[in-house]
Amino acid sequence: MTLNISDASSEITSRISGNPWIRLRDLSAQVGIGCNRVQRIIKQPTGMKFRQLRQGCRLCRSIEWLLSGVSVKSAALSCGYGSSQHYARAFKRHFAIAPSALRQEQSASHKQSENSAYVAPVFSCPFGSKAVPYLHKTSSSSSSD
């Protein structure tokens, strides 16, 4: 597959958001571009390393799970974290809110919305195609997988 930089960037981001468990070498093989080139294509527009982008995709997915009632521990394991504590630290570093606090806020806003016309804000997660409540920290985060 021969792609220009813009198309390659879109294709790579789409594949990572579609499968946030993909390995760099597998992604590279799928798009027909070397691993180092894939990493440069990701870094140029996002400022993130492959692992950071992949982790962001996983964390965005976990928001959907948390808001649907999945426990923090289950969300952590589903995201590939070995412990809920490690997941909670990464989540808080990325979104500036603890996953348990997000669930509590959602629960409170749901109760409030039953009693009034309150509508919780919805933000688009930059790592995925679905609109999900997204609370992004304004400063850049540096995290690893």
C-alpha atoms as a PDB file:
ATOM      1  CA  MET A   1       0.000   0.000   0.000  1.00  0.00           C
ATOM      2  CA  THR A   2       1.513   3.355  -1.030  1.00  0.00           C
ATOM      3  CA  LEU A   3       0.245   6.343   0.941  1.00  0.00           C
ATOM      4  CA  ASN A   4       1.156  10.007   1.098  1.00  0.00           C
ATOM      5  CA  ILE A   5       1.961  11.417   4.560  1.00  0.00           C
ATOM      6  CA  SER A   6      -1.534  12.782   5.225  1.00  0.00           C
ATOM      7  CA  ASP A   7      -3.225   9.556   4.150  1.00  0.00           C
ATOM      8  CA  ALA A   8      -0.681   7.496   6.077  1.00  0.00           C
ATOM      9  CA  SER A   9      -1.286   9.533   9.222  1.00  0.00           C
ATOM     10  CA  SER A  10      -5.062   9.091   8.918  1.00  0.00           C
ATOM     11  CA  GLU A  11      -4.712   5.386   8.183  1.00  0.00           C
ATOM     12  CA  ILE A  12      -2.350   4.806  11.106  1.00  0.00           C
ATOM     13  CA  THR A  13      -4.513   6.757  13.564  1.00  0.00           C
ATOM     14  CA  SER A  14      -7.616   4.950  12.358  1.00  0.00           C
ATOM     15  CA  ARG A  15      -5.983   1.552  12.799  1.00  0.00           C
ATOM     16  CA  ILE A  16      -4.741   2.402  16.300  1.00  0.00           C
ATOM     17  CA  SER A  17      -8.131   3.747  17.407  1.00  0.00           C
ATOM     18  CA  GLY A  18      -9.806   0.665  15.898  1.00  0.00           C
ATOM     19  CA  ASN A  19      -7.406  -1.682  17.683  1.00  0.00           C
ATOM     20  CA  PRO A  20      -5.605   0.018  20.581  1.00  0.00           C
ATOM     21  CA  TRP A  21      -3.854  -3.267  21.397  1.00  0.00           C
ATOM     22  CA  ILE A  22      -1.996  -3.392  18.101  1.00  0.00           C
ATOM     23  CA  ARG A  23       1.785  -3.731  18.229  1.00  0.00           C
ATOM     24  CA  LEU A  24       3.983  -1.321  16.307  1.00  0.00           C
ATOM     25  CA  ARG A  25       5.481  -4.037  14.128  1.00  0.00           C
ATOM     26  CA  ASP A  26       2.005  -5.346  13.201  1.00  0.00           C
ATOM     27  CA  LEU A  27       0.752  -1.852  12.409  1.00  0.00           C
ATOM     28  CA  SER A  28       3.850  -1.224  10.316  1.00  0.00           C
ATOM     29  CA  ALA A  29       3.235  -4.414   8.336  1.00  0.00           C
ATOM     30  CA  GLN A  30      -0.435  -3.549   7.807  1.00  0.00           C
ATOM     31  CA  VAL A  31       0.276  -0.127   6.332  1.00  0.00           C
ATOM     32  CA  GLY A  32       3.447  -1.206   4.515  1.00  0.00           C
ATOM     33  CA  ILE A  33       5.709   1.356   6.157  1.00  0.00           C
ATOM     34  CA  GLY A  34       8.748   0.714   8.368  1.00  0.00           C
ATOM     35  CA  CYS A  35       8.418   1.000  12.165  1.00  0.00           C
ATOM     36  CA  ASN A  36      10.612   4.090  12.429  1.00  0.00           C
ATOM     37  CA  ARG A  37       8.637   5.852   9.688  1.00  0.00           C
ATOM     38  CA  VAL A  38       5.340   4.968  11.385  1.00  0.00           C
ATOM     39  CA  GLN A  39       6.624   6.482  14.624  1.00  0.00           C
ATOM     40  CA  ARG A  40       7.675   9.699  12.836  1.00  0.00           C
ATOM     41  CA  ILE A  41       4.306   9.916  11.061  1.00  0.00           C
ATOM     42  CA  ILE A  42       2.542   9.627  14.438  1.00  0.00           C
ATOM     43  CA  LYS A  43       4.835  12.062  16.246  1.00  0.00           C
ATOM     44  CA  GLN A  44       4.676  14.842  13.643  1.00  0.00           C
ATOM     45  CA  PRO A  45       0.993  15.857  13.996  1.00  0.00           C
ATOM     46  CA  THR A  46       0.315  14.578  17.520  1.00  0.00           C
ATOM     47  CA  GLY A  47       3.569  15.198  19.366  1.00  0.00           C
ATOM     48  CA  MET A  48       3.114  11.742  20.890  1.00  0.00           C
ATOM     49  CA  LYS A  49       5.037   8.532  20.645  1.00  0.00           C
ATOM     50  CA  PHE A  50       3.297   5.406  19.366  1.00  0.00           C
ATOM     51  CA  ARG A  51       2.914   4.025  22.892  1.00  0.00           C
ATOM     52  CA  GLN A  52       1.380   7.269  24.152  1.00  0.00           C
ATOM     53  CA  LEU A  53      -1.147   7.372  21.316  1.00  0.00           C
ATOM     54  CA  ARG A  54      -2.035   3.721  21.836  1.00  0.00           C
ATOM     55  CA  GLN A  55      -2.422   4.279  25.582  1.00  0.00           C
ATOM     56  CA  GLY A  56      -4.644   7.298  24.918  1.00  0.00           C
ATOM     57  CA  CYS A  57      -6.877   5.143  22.726  1.00  0.00           C
ATOM     58  CA  ARG A  58      -7.132   2.536  25.458  1.00  0.00           C
ATOM     59  CA  LEU A  59      -7.942   5.131  28.095  1.00  0.00           C
ATOM     60  CA  CYS A  60     -10.627   6.699  25.889  1.00  0.00           C
ATOM     61  CA  ARG A  61     -12.220   3.301  25.439  1.00  0.00           C
ATOM     62  CA  SER A  62     -12.195   2.840  29.186  1.00  0.00           C
ATOM     63  CA  ILE A  63     -14.281   5.993  29.625  1.00  0.00           C
ATOM     64  CA  GLU A  64     -17.100   4.311  27.727  1.00  0.00           C
ATOM     65  CA  TRP A  65     -16.772   1.218  29.917  1.00  0.00           C
ATOM     66  CA  LEU A  66     -16.711   3.215  33.148  1.00  0.00           C
ATOM     67  CA  LEU A  67     -19.772   5.224  32.150  1.00  0.00           C
ATOM     68  CA  SER A  68     -21.638   2.040  31.285  1.00  0.00           C
ATOM     69  CA  GLY A  69     -21.128   0.793  34.850  1.00  0.00           C
ATOM     70  CA  VAL A  70     -18.032  -1.392  34.502  1.00  0.00           C
ATOM     71  CA  SER A  71     -15.905  -1.411  37.645  1.00  0.00           C
ATOM     72  CA  VAL A  72     -12.576   0.409  37.726  1.00  0.00           C
ATOM     73  CA  LYS A  73     -10.793  -2.921  38.190  1.00  0.00           C
ATOM     74  CA  SER A  74     -12.508  -4.451  35.142  1.00  0.00           C
ATOM     75  CA  ALA A  75     -11.755  -1.368  33.043  1.00  0.00           C
ATOM     76  CA  ALA A  76      -8.105  -1.546  34.135  1.00  0.00           C
ATOM     77  CA  LEU A  77      -7.789  -5.196  33.162  1.00  0.00           C
ATOM     78  CA  SER A  78      -9.594  -4.594  29.864  1.00  0.00           C
ATOM     79  CA  CYS A  79      -7.127  -1.798  29.055  1.00  0.00           C
ATOM     80  CA  GLY A  80      -4.197  -4.113  29.637  1.00  0.00           C
ATOM     81  CA  TYR A  81      -3.116  -2.811  33.030  1.00  0.00           C
ATOM     82  CA  GLY A  82      -1.963  -5.323  35.613  1.00  0.00           C
ATOM     83  CA  SER A  83      -3.467  -3.400  38.513  1.00  0.00           C
ATOM     84  CA  SER A  84      -6.254  -0.928  39.036  1.00  0.00           C
ATOM     85  CA  GLN A  85      -3.817   1.376  40.864  1.00  0.00           C
ATOM     86  CA  HIS A  86      -1.517   1.653  37.827  1.00  0.00           C
ATOM     87  CA  TYR A  87      -4.536   2.241  35.599  1.00  0.00           C
ATOM     88  CA  ALA A  88      -5.943   4.892  37.956  1.00  0.00           C
ATOM     89  CA  ARG A  89      -2.613   6.763  37.982  1.00  0.00           C
ATOM     90  CA  ALA A  90      -2.398   6.722  34.169  1.00  0.00           C
ATOM     91  CA  PHE A  91      -6.057   7.739  33.843  1.00  0.00           C
ATOM     92  CA  LYS A  92      -5.663  10.627  36.273  1.00  0.00           C
ATOM     93  CA  ARG A  93      -2.421  11.769  34.627  1.00  0.00           C
ATOM     94  CA  HIS A  94      -4.124  11.784  31.230  1.00  0.00           C
ATOM     95  CA  PHE A  95      -7.576  13.165  32.108  1.00  0.00           C
ATOM     96  CA  ALA A  96      -6.885  15.026  35.391  1.00  0.00           C
ATOM     97  CA  ILE A  97      -9.625  13.063  37.131  1.00  0.00           C
ATOM     98  CA  ALA A  98      -9.597   9.662  38.813  1.00  0.00           C
ATOM     99  CA  PRO A  99     -11.683   6.946  37.118  1.00  0.00           C
ATOM    100  CA  SER A 100     -13.691   6.459  40.319  1.00  0.00           C
ATOM    101  CA  ALA A 101     -14.419  10.205  40.435  1.00  0.00           C
ATOM    102  CA  LEU A 102     -15.592  10.089  36.808  1.00  0.00           C
ATOM    103  CA  ARG A 103     -18.019   7.312  37.708  1.00  0.00           C
ATOM    104  CA  GLN A 104     -19.240   9.294  40.736  1.00  0.00           C
ATOM    105  CA  GLU A 105     -19.716  12.441  38.631  1.00  0.00           C
ATOM    106  CA  GLN A 106     -21.615  10.440  36.032  1.00  0.00           C
ATOM    107  CA  SER A 107     -23.816   8.931  38.714  1.00  0.00           C
ATOM    108  CA  ALA A 108     -24.471  12.351  40.262  1.00  0.00           C
ATOM    109  CA  SER A 109     -25.209  13.981  36.896  1.00  0.00           C
ATOM    110  CA  HIS A 110     -27.536  11.096  36.006  1.00  0.00           C
ATOM    111  CA  LYS A 111     -29.466  11.597  39.251  1.00  0.00           C
ATOM    112  CA  GLN A 112     -29.538  15.338  38.669  1.00  0.00           C
ATOM    113  CA  SER A 113     -30.733  14.892  35.089  1.00  0.00           C
ATOM    114  CA  GLU A 114     -33.631  12.749  36.289  1.00  0.00           C
ATOM    115  CA  ASN A 115     -34.776  15.681  38.436  1.00  0.00           C
ATOM    116  CA  SER A 116     -34.069  18.548  36.031  1.00  0.00           C
ATOM    117  CA  ALA A 117     -33.084  19.477  32.509  1.00  0.00           C
ATOM    118  CA  TYR A 118     -29.358  19.052  33.267  1.00  0.00           C
ATOM    119  CA  VAL A 119     -27.299  17.797  30.341  1.00  0.00           C
ATOM    120  CA  ALA A 120     -23.764  16.546  30.954  1.00  0.00           C
ATOM    121  CA  PRO A 121     -21.193  17.943  28.538  1.00  0.00           C
ATOM    122  CA  VAL A 122     -19.928  15.595  25.840  1.00  0.00           C
ATOM    123  CA  PHE A 123     -16.513  16.045  24.278  1.00  0.00           C
ATOM    124  CA  SER A 124     -15.027  14.205  21.369  1.00  0.00           C
ATOM    125  CA  CYS A 125     -12.168  11.910  22.253  1.00  0.00           C
ATOM    126  CA  PRO A 126      -9.316  12.727  19.875  1.00  0.00           C
ATOM    127  CA  PHE A 127      -8.275   9.081  19.700  1.00  0.00           C
ATOM    128  CA  GLY A 128     -11.527   7.544  18.582  1.00  0.00           C
ATOM    129  CA  SER A 129     -14.421   8.115  16.254  1.00  0.00           C
ATOM    130  CA  LYS A 130     -17.163   8.051  18.891  1.00  0.00           C
ATOM    131  CA  ALA A 131     -18.153  11.072  20.931  1.00  0.00           C
ATOM    132  CA  VAL A 132     -17.649  10.234  24.583  1.00  0.00           C
ATOM    133  CA  PRO A 133     -17.445  12.373  27.669  1.00  0.00           C
ATOM    134  CA  TYR A 134     -13.816  13.362  27.599  1.00  0.00           C
ATOM    135  CA  LEU A 135     -12.003  15.337  30.238  1.00  0.00           C
ATOM    136  CA  HIS A 136      -8.555  16.108  28.866  1.00  0.00           C
ATOM    137  CA  LYS A 137      -5.813  17.624  30.952  1.00  0.00           C
ATOM    138  CA  THR A 138      -4.639  20.878  29.414  1.00  0.00           C
ATOM    139  CA  SER A 139      -0.932  20.280  29.959  1.00  0.00           C
ATOM    140  CA  SER A 140       0.794  17.636  27.892  1.00  0.00           C
ATOM    141  CA  SER A 141       1.159  14.286  29.554  1.00  0.00           C
ATOM    142  CA  SER A 142       4.037  11.941  29.165  1.00  0.00           C
ATOM    143  CA  SER A 143       3.238   8.377  29.892  1.00  0.00           C
ATOM    144  CA  SER A 144       4.330   4.956  28.856  1.00  0.00           C
ATOM    145  CA  ASP A 145       2.611   1.675  28.294  1.00  0.00           C
END
